[in-house]
PDB file of N, CA and C in Angstrom:
ATOM      1  N   MET A   1      99.950  79.662  95.652  1.00  0.00           N
ATOM      2  CA  MET A   1      99.680  81.090  95.807  1.00  0.00           C
ATOM      3  C   MET A   1      98.185  81.242  95.575  1.00  0.00           C
ATOM      4  N   ASN A   2      97.502  82.019  96.496  1.00  0.00           N
ATOM      5  CA  ASN A   2      96.141  82.191  96.448  1.00  0.00           C
ATOM      6  C   ASN A   2      95.846  83.373  95.471  1.00  0.00           C
ATOM      7  N   THR A   3      95.130  83.082  94.387  1.00  0.00           N
ATOM      8  CA  THR A   3      94.788  84.207  93.411  1.00  0.00           C
ATOM      9  C   THR A   3      93.321  84.364  93.379  1.00  0.00           C
ATOM     10  N   ILE A   4      92.920  85.748  93.527  1.00  0.00           N
ATOM     11  CA  ILE A   4      91.489  86.048  93.536  1.00  0.00           C
ATOM     12  C   ILE A   4      91.289  87.251  92.644  1.00  0.00           C
ATOM     13  N   ALA A   5      89.974  87.659  92.532  1.00  0.00           N
ATOM     14  CA  ALA A   5      89.705  88.872  91.719  1.00  0.00           C
ATOM     15  C   ALA A   5      90.010  90.157  92.749  1.00  0.00           C
ATOM     16  N   LEU A   6      90.396  91.248  92.168  1.00  0.00           N
ATOM     17  CA  LEU A   6      90.668  92.382  93.002  1.00  0.00           C
ATOM     18  C   LEU A   6      89.389  92.753  93.872  1.00  0.00           C
ATOM     19  N   CYS A   7      88.242  92.631  93.307  1.00  0.00           N
ATOM     20  CA  CYS A   7      87.040  92.963  94.106  1.00  0.00           C
ATOM     21  C   CYS A   7      86.802  92.079  95.248  1.00  0.00           C
ATOM     22  N   ASP A   8      87.433  90.909  95.403  1.00  0.00           N
ATOM     23  CA  ASP A   8      87.310  90.030  96.537  1.00  0.00           C
ATOM     24  C   ASP A   8      88.412  90.194  97.613  1.00  0.00           C
ATOM     25  N   LEU A   9      89.309  91.159  97.341  1.00  0.00           N
ATOM     26  CA  LEU A   9      90.352  91.428  98.372  1.00  0.00           C
ATOM     27  C   LEU A   9      89.658  92.209  99.456  1.00  0.00           C
ATOM     28  N   LYS A  10      89.851  91.737 100.769  1.00  0.00           N
ATOM     29  CA  LYS A  10      89.213  92.363 101.892  1.00  0.00           C
ATOM     30  C   LYS A  10      90.057  93.518 102.360  1.00  0.00           C
ATOM     31  N   PRO A  11      89.401  94.538 103.065  1.00  0.00           N
ATOM     32  CA  PRO A  11      90.041  95.724 103.617  1.00  0.00           C
ATOM     33  C   PRO A  11      91.191  95.388 104.448  1.00  0.00           C
ATOM     34  N   GLY A  12      92.287  96.054 104.185  1.00  0.00           N
ATOM     35  CA  GLY A  12      93.505  95.707 105.096  1.00  0.00           C
ATOM     36  C   GLY A  12      94.422  94.647 104.480  1.00  0.00           C
ATOM     37  N   HIS A  13      93.884  93.912 103.505  1.00  0.00           N
ATOM     38  CA  HIS A  13      94.681  92.935 102.896  1.00  0.00           C
ATOM     39  C   HIS A  13      95.496  93.378 101.591  1.00  0.00           C
ATOM     40  N   HIS A  14      96.624  92.727 101.342  1.00  0.00           N
ATOM     41  CA  HIS A  14      97.537  93.149 100.317  1.00  0.00           C
ATOM     42  C   HIS A  14      97.608  92.071  99.304  1.00  0.00           C
ATOM     43  N   GLY A  15      97.922  92.498  98.026  1.00  0.00           N
ATOM     44  CA  GLY A  15      98.102  91.455  96.993  1.00  0.00           C
ATOM     45  C   GLY A  15      99.065  92.092  95.830  1.00  0.00           C
ATOM     46  N   THR A  16      99.369  91.294  94.996  1.00  0.00           N
ATOM     47  CA  THR A  16     100.243  91.665  93.850  1.00  0.00           C
ATOM     48  C   THR A  16      99.474  91.392  92.660  1.00  0.00           C
ATOM     49  N   ILE A  17      99.313  92.272  91.704  1.00  0.00           N
ATOM     50  CA  ILE A  17      98.542  92.122  90.469  1.00  0.00           C
ATOM     51  C   ILE A  17      99.255  91.185  89.689  1.00  0.00           C
ATOM     52  N   CYS A  18      98.564  90.115  89.212  1.00  0.00           N
ATOM     53  CA  CYS A  18      99.189  89.110  88.329  1.00  0.00           C
ATOM     54  C   CYS A  18      98.456  88.991  86.920  1.00  0.00           C
ATOM     55  N   ALA A  19      97.312  89.627  86.770  1.00  0.00           N
ATOM     56  CA  ALA A  19      96.721  89.582  85.504  1.00  0.00           C
ATOM     57  C   ALA A  19      95.784  90.812  85.397  1.00  0.00           C
ATOM     58  N   MET A  20      95.700  91.394  84.130  1.00  0.00           N
ATOM     59  CA  MET A  20      94.934  92.566  83.930  1.00  0.00           C
ATOM     60  C   MET A  20      94.045  92.275  82.665  1.00  0.00           C
ATOM     61  N   PRO A  21      92.919  93.011  82.501  1.00  0.00           N
ATOM     62  CA  PRO A  21      92.152  92.885  81.299  1.00  0.00           C
ATOM     63  C   PRO A  21      93.001  93.292  80.029  1.00  0.00           C
ATOM     64  N   ASN A  22      92.787  92.669  78.965  1.00  0.00           N
ATOM     65  CA  ASN A  22      93.516  92.962  77.753  1.00  0.00           C
ATOM     66  C   ASN A  22      92.923  94.003  76.939  1.00  0.00           C
ATOM     67  N   GLY A  23      93.639  94.994  76.520  1.00  0.00           N
ATOM     68  CA  GLY A  23      93.287  96.087  75.591  1.00  0.00           C
ATOM     69  C   GLY A  23      92.147  97.031  76.025  1.00  0.00           C
ATOM     70  N   GLY A  24      91.732  97.848  75.236  1.00  0.00           N
ATOM     71  CA  GLY A  24      90.649  98.696  75.501  1.00  0.00           C
ATOM     72  C   GLY A  24      91.087 100.010  76.133  1.00  0.00           C
ATOM     73  N   SER A  25      90.262 101.024  76.096  1.00  0.00           N
ATOM     74  CA  SER A  25      90.541 102.325  76.701  1.00  0.00           C
ATOM     75  C   SER A  25      90.490 102.230  78.312  1.00  0.00           C
ATOM     76  N   PHE A  26      89.622 101.392  78.790  1.00  0.00           N
ATOM     77  CA  PHE A  26      89.600 101.242  80.234  1.00  0.00           C
ATOM     78  C   PHE A  26      90.813 100.623  80.795  1.00  0.00           C
ATOM     79  N   SER A  27      91.279  99.600  80.062  1.00  0.00           N
ATOM     80  CA  SER A  27      92.507  98.964  80.455  1.00  0.00           C
ATOM     81  C   SER A  27      93.679  99.936  80.489  1.00  0.00           C
ATOM     82  N   ARG A  28      93.845 100.758  79.454  1.00  0.00           N
ATOM     83  CA  ARG A  28      94.810 101.763  79.384  1.00  0.00           C
ATOM     84  C   ARG A  28      94.685 102.736  80.540  1.00  0.00           C
ATOM     85  N   ARG A  29      93.462 103.041  80.911  1.00  0.00           N
ATOM     86  CA  ARG A  29      93.255 104.078  81.986  1.00  0.00           C
ATOM     87  C   ARG A  29      93.733 103.456  83.299  1.00  0.00           C
ATOM     88  N   LEU A  30      93.401 102.158  83.554  1.00  0.00           N
ATOM     89  CA  LEU A  30      93.858 101.463  84.723  1.00  0.00           C
ATOM     90  C   LEU A  30      95.342 101.460  84.841  1.00  0.00           C
ATOM     91  N   GLU A  31      95.943 101.186  83.673  1.00  0.00           N
ATOM     92  CA  GLU A  31      97.511 101.238  83.678  1.00  0.00           C
ATOM     93  C   GLU A  31      98.100 102.598  84.020  1.00  0.00           C
ATOM     94  N   SER A  32      97.410 103.649  83.557  1.00  0.00           N
ATOM     95  CA  SER A  32      97.874 104.921  83.723  1.00  0.00           C
ATOM     96  C   SER A  32      97.733 105.362  85.294  1.00  0.00           C
ATOM     97  N   LEU A  33      96.763 104.581  86.003  1.00  0.00           N
ATOM     98  CA  LEU A  33      96.604 104.892  87.367  1.00  0.00           C
ATOM     99  C   LEU A  33      97.489 103.982  88.282  1.00  0.00           C
ATOM    100  N   GLY A  34      98.348 103.132  87.631  1.00  0.00           N
ATOM    101  CA  GLY A  34      99.286 102.371  88.345  1.00  0.00           C
ATOM    102  C   GLY A  34      98.936 100.779  88.449  1.00  0.00           C
ATOM    103  N   PHE A  35      97.712 100.382  87.915  1.00  0.00           N
ATOM    104  CA  PHE A  35      97.403  99.014  87.974  1.00  0.00           C
ATOM    105  C   PHE A  35      98.090  98.262  86.858  1.00  0.00           C
ATOM    106  N   THR A  36      99.208  97.813  87.157  1.00  0.00           N
ATOM    107  CA  THR A  36     100.056  97.111  86.268  1.00  0.00           C
ATOM    108  C   THR A  36     100.473  95.767  86.851  1.00  0.00           C
ATOM    109  N   LYS A  37     100.727  94.787  85.907  1.00  0.00           N
ATOM    110  CA  LYS A  37     101.273  93.523  86.530  1.00  0.00           C
ATOM    111  C   LYS A  37     102.470  93.648  87.401  1.00  0.00           C
ATOM    112  N   GLY A  38     102.411  93.010  88.521  1.00  0.00           N
ATOM    113  CA  GLY A  38     103.500  93.076  89.509  1.00  0.00           C
ATOM    114  C   GLY A  38     103.279  94.213  90.463  1.00  0.00           C
ATOM    115  N   ALA A  39     102.350  95.187  90.390  1.00  0.00           N
ATOM    116  CA  ALA A  39     102.184  96.299  91.285  1.00  0.00           C
ATOM    117  C   ALA A  39     101.607  95.624  92.633  1.00  0.00           C
ATOM    118  N   CYS A  40     101.946  96.165  93.733  1.00  0.00           N
ATOM    119  CA  CYS A  40     101.317  95.835  94.973  1.00  0.00           C
ATOM    120  C   CYS A  40     100.156  96.690  95.128  1.00  0.00           C
ATOM    121  N   VAL A  41      99.060  96.019  95.642  1.00  0.00           N
ATOM    122  CA  VAL A  41      97.850  96.705  95.840  1.00  0.00           C
ATOM    123  C   VAL A  41      97.228  96.370  97.217  1.00  0.00           C
ATOM    124  N   THR A  42      96.664  97.384  97.894  1.00  0.00           N
ATOM    125  CA  THR A  42      96.045  97.210  99.223  1.00  0.00           C
ATOM    126  C   THR A  42      94.603  97.587  99.102  1.00  0.00           C
ATOM    127  N   CYS A  43      93.680  96.809  99.705  1.00  0.00           N
ATOM    128  CA  CYS A  43      92.184  97.242  99.801  1.00  0.00           C
ATOM    129  C   CYS A  43      92.156  98.093 101.007  1.00  0.00           C
ATOM    130  N   LEU A  44      91.879  99.410 100.793  1.00  0.00           N
ATOM    131  CA  LEU A  44      91.736 100.377 101.950  1.00  0.00           C
ATOM    132  C   LEU A  44      90.334 100.247 102.711  1.00  0.00           C
ATOM    133  N   GLN A  45      89.313 100.169 101.879  1.00  0.00           N
ATOM    134  CA  GLN A  45      87.946 100.070 102.381  1.00  0.00           C
ATOM    135  C   GLN A  45      86.969  99.761 101.338  1.00  0.00           C
ATOM    136  N   THR A  46      85.798  99.236 101.779  1.00  0.00           N
ATOM    137  CA  THR A  46      84.702  98.954 100.960  1.00  0.00           C
ATOM    138  C   THR A  46      83.467  99.738 101.411  1.00  0.00           C
ATOM    139  N   ALA A  47      82.746 100.298 100.561  1.00  0.00           N
ATOM    140  CA  ALA A  47      81.440 101.035 100.894  1.00  0.00           C
ATOM    141  C   ALA A  47      80.529 100.057 101.668  1.00  0.00           C
ATOM    142  N   LYS A  48      79.684 100.669 102.511  1.00  0.00           N
ATOM    143  CA  LYS A  48      78.752  99.771 103.305  1.00  0.00           C
ATOM    144  C   LYS A  48      77.869  98.856 102.355  1.00  0.00           C
ATOM    145  N   SER A  49      77.619  99.458 101.162  1.00  0.00           N
ATOM    146  CA  SER A  49      76.742  98.601 100.235  1.00  0.00           C
ATOM    147  C   SER A  49      77.655  97.643  99.521  1.00  0.00           C
ATOM    148  N   GLY A  50      78.884  97.698  99.685  1.00  0.00           N
ATOM    149  CA  GLY A  50      79.798  96.693  99.001  1.00  0.00           C
ATOM    150  C   GLY A  50      80.427  97.158  97.739  1.00  0.00           C
ATOM    151  N   ASP A  51      79.948  98.338  97.233  1.00  0.00           N
ATOM    152  CA  ASP A  51      80.495  98.886  95.995  1.00  0.00           C
ATOM    153  C   ASP A  51      80.436 100.418  95.988  1.00  0.00           C
ATOM    154  N   PRO A  52      81.492 101.076  95.715  1.00  0.00           N
ATOM    155  CA  PRO A  52      82.828 100.654  95.206  1.00  0.00           C
ATOM    156  C   PRO A  52      83.680 100.357  96.394  1.00  0.00           C
ATOM    157  N   SER A  53      84.928  99.999  96.104  1.00  0.00           N
ATOM    158  CA  SER A  53      86.053  99.765  97.017  1.00  0.00           C
ATOM    159  C   SER A  53      87.206 100.661  96.705  1.00  0.00           C
ATOM    160  N   ALA A  54      87.951 101.075  97.691  1.00  0.00           N
ATOM    161  CA  ALA A  54      89.060 101.878  97.567  1.00  0.00           C
ATOM    162  C   ALA A  54      90.371 101.117  97.698  1.00  0.00           C
ATOM    163  N   PHE A  55      91.275 101.308  96.724  1.00  0.00           N
ATOM    164  CA  PHE A  55      92.576 100.538  96.736  1.00  0.00           C
ATOM    165  C   PHE A  55      93.735 101.464  96.748  1.00  0.00           C
ATOM    166  N   TRP A  56      94.729 101.123  97.371  1.00  0.00           N
ATOM    167  CA  TRP A  56      95.968 101.688  97.385  1.00  0.00           C
ATOM    168  C   TRP A  56      96.998 101.097  96.377  1.00  0.00           C
ATOM    169  N   VAL A  57      97.475 101.805  95.390  1.00  0.00           N
ATOM    170  CA  VAL A  57      98.382 101.343  94.463  1.00  0.00           C
ATOM    171  C   VAL A  57      99.270 102.404  93.925  1.00  0.00           C
ATOM    172  N   ARG A  58     100.623 102.070  94.070  1.00  0.00           N
ATOM    173  CA  ARG A  58     101.712 103.029  93.627  1.00  0.00           C
ATOM    174  C   ARG A  58     101.477 104.387  94.184  1.00  0.00           C
ATOM    175  N   ASP A  59     101.295 104.540  95.529  1.00  0.00           N
ATOM    176  CA  ASP A  59     101.174 105.767  96.144  1.00  0.00           C
ATOM    177  C   ASP A  59      99.957 106.639  95.822  1.00  0.00           C
ATOM    178  N   THR A  60      98.756 105.952  95.357  1.00  0.00           N
ATOM    179  CA  THR A  60      97.590 106.583  95.057  1.00  0.00           C
ATOM    180  C   THR A  60      96.442 105.756  95.460  1.00  0.00           C
ATOM    181  N   ALA A  61      95.382 106.471  96.011  1.00  0.00           N
ATOM    182  CA  ALA A  61      94.151 105.814  96.341  1.00  0.00           C
ATOM    183  C   ALA A  61      93.148 105.892  95.204  1.00  0.00           C
ATOM    184  N   VAL A  62      92.702 104.758  94.791  1.00  0.00           N
ATOM    185  CA  VAL A  62      91.705 104.628  93.635  1.00  0.00           C
ATOM    186  C   VAL A  62      90.528 103.960  94.044  1.00  0.00           C
ATOM    187  N   ALA A  63      89.306 104.470  93.748  1.00  0.00           N
ATOM    188  CA  ALA A  63      88.094 103.675  93.997  1.00  0.00           C
ATOM    189  C   ALA A  63      87.659 103.071  92.689  1.00  0.00           C
ATOM    190  N   LEU A  64      87.282 101.801  92.750  1.00  0.00           N
ATOM    191  CA  LEU A  64      86.839 101.040  91.682  1.00  0.00           C
ATOM    192  C   LEU A  64      85.520 100.326  91.906  1.00  0.00           C
ATOM    193  N   ARG A  65      84.641 100.184  90.986  1.00  0.00           N
ATOM    194  CA  ARG A  65      83.428  99.443  91.194  1.00  0.00           C
ATOM    195  C   ARG A  65      83.774  97.971  91.057  1.00  0.00           C
ATOM    196  N   LYS A  66      82.901  97.108  91.577  1.00  0.00           N
ATOM    197  CA  LYS A  66      83.115  95.660  91.522  1.00  0.00           C
ATOM    198  C   LYS A  66      83.174  95.226  90.125  1.00  0.00           C
ATOM    199  N   CYS A  67      82.356  95.720  89.157  1.00  0.00           N
ATOM    200  CA  CYS A  67      82.377  95.330  87.769  1.00  0.00           C
ATOM    201  C   CYS A  67      83.645  95.564  87.154  1.00  0.00           C
ATOM    202  N   ASP A  68      84.333  96.586  87.584  1.00  0.00           N
ATOM    203  CA  ASP A  68      85.622  96.869  86.938  1.00  0.00           C
ATOM    204  C   ASP A  68      86.850  96.116  87.662  1.00  0.00           C
ATOM    205  N   ALA A  69      86.714  95.926  88.936  1.00  0.00           N
ATOM    206  CA  ALA A  69      87.757  95.331  89.729  1.00  0.00           C
ATOM    207  C   ALA A  69      87.735  93.752  89.514  1.00  0.00           C
ATOM    208  N   LYS A  70      86.560  93.141  89.067  1.00  0.00           N
ATOM    209  CA  LYS A  70      86.545  91.722  89.006  1.00  0.00           C
ATOM    210  C   LYS A  70      87.443  91.195  87.929  1.00  0.00           C
ATOM    211  N   ASP A  71      87.881  91.960  86.876  1.00  0.00           N
ATOM    212  CA  ASP A  71      88.791  91.476  85.833  1.00  0.00           C
ATOM    213  C   ASP A  71      90.235  91.601  86.147  1.00  0.00           C
ATOM    214  N   ILE A  72      90.604  92.155  87.246  1.00  0.00           N
ATOM    215  CA  ILE A  72      92.019  92.189  87.702  1.00  0.00           C
ATOM    216  C   ILE A  72      92.316  91.068  88.756  1.00  0.00           C
ATOM    217  N   ALA A  73      93.278  90.227  88.463  1.00  0.00           N
ATOM    218  CA  ALA A  73      93.637  89.164  89.317  1.00  0.00           C
ATOM    219  C   ALA A  73      94.792  89.451  90.185  1.00  0.00           C
ATOM    220  N   VAL A  74      94.650  89.183  91.450  1.00  0.00           N
ATOM    221  CA  VAL A  74      95.725  89.412  92.401  1.00  0.00           C
ATOM    222  C   VAL A  74      96.139  88.170  93.143  1.00  0.00           C
ATOM    223  N   SER A  75      97.413  88.085  93.476  1.00  0.00           N
ATOM    224  CA  SER A  75      97.950  87.092  94.350  1.00  0.00           C
ATOM    225  C   SER A  75      97.940  87.661  95.790  1.00  0.00           C
ATOM    226  N   VAL A  76      97.240  86.963  96.644  1.00  0.00           N
ATOM    227  CA  VAL A  76      97.012  87.577  97.994  1.00  0.00           C
ATOM    228  C   VAL A  76      98.347  87.238  98.828  1.00  0.00           C
ATOM    229  N   LEU A  77      98.808  88.310  99.460  1.00  0.00           N
ATOM    230  CA  LEU A  77     100.031  88.291 100.230  1.00  0.00           C
ATOM    231  C   LEU A  77      99.734  87.937 101.765  1.00  0.00           C
ATOM    232  N   ASN A  78      98.531  88.356 102.163  1.00  0.00           N
ATOM    233  CA  ASN A  78      98.048  87.986 103.577  1.00  0.00           C
ATOM    234  C   ASN A  78      96.663  87.498 103.472  1.00  0.00           C
ATOM    235  N   ALA A  79      96.279  86.525 104.180  1.00  0.00           N
ATOM    236  CA  ALA A  79      94.920  85.962 104.143  1.00  0.00           C
ATOM    237  C   ALA A  79      94.249  86.195 105.480  1.00  0.00           C
TER     238      ALA A  79
END
């Protein structure tokens, strides 16, 4: 299975979250937004500058900066 950082997921591609950063208030905030292990995530689009990117997770669109998305590992479902 191909595992990459969430920030490397290309627009239109899907993945399953397989690892999240441990602890901290930002980690808890991500969990409250639906970024939990096993959740399906889709990259909707990336800004022209490359940062931030918009992701669809648990019926919600969320924009994350690269520096925040790099710590979330996803198993790519389509390459």
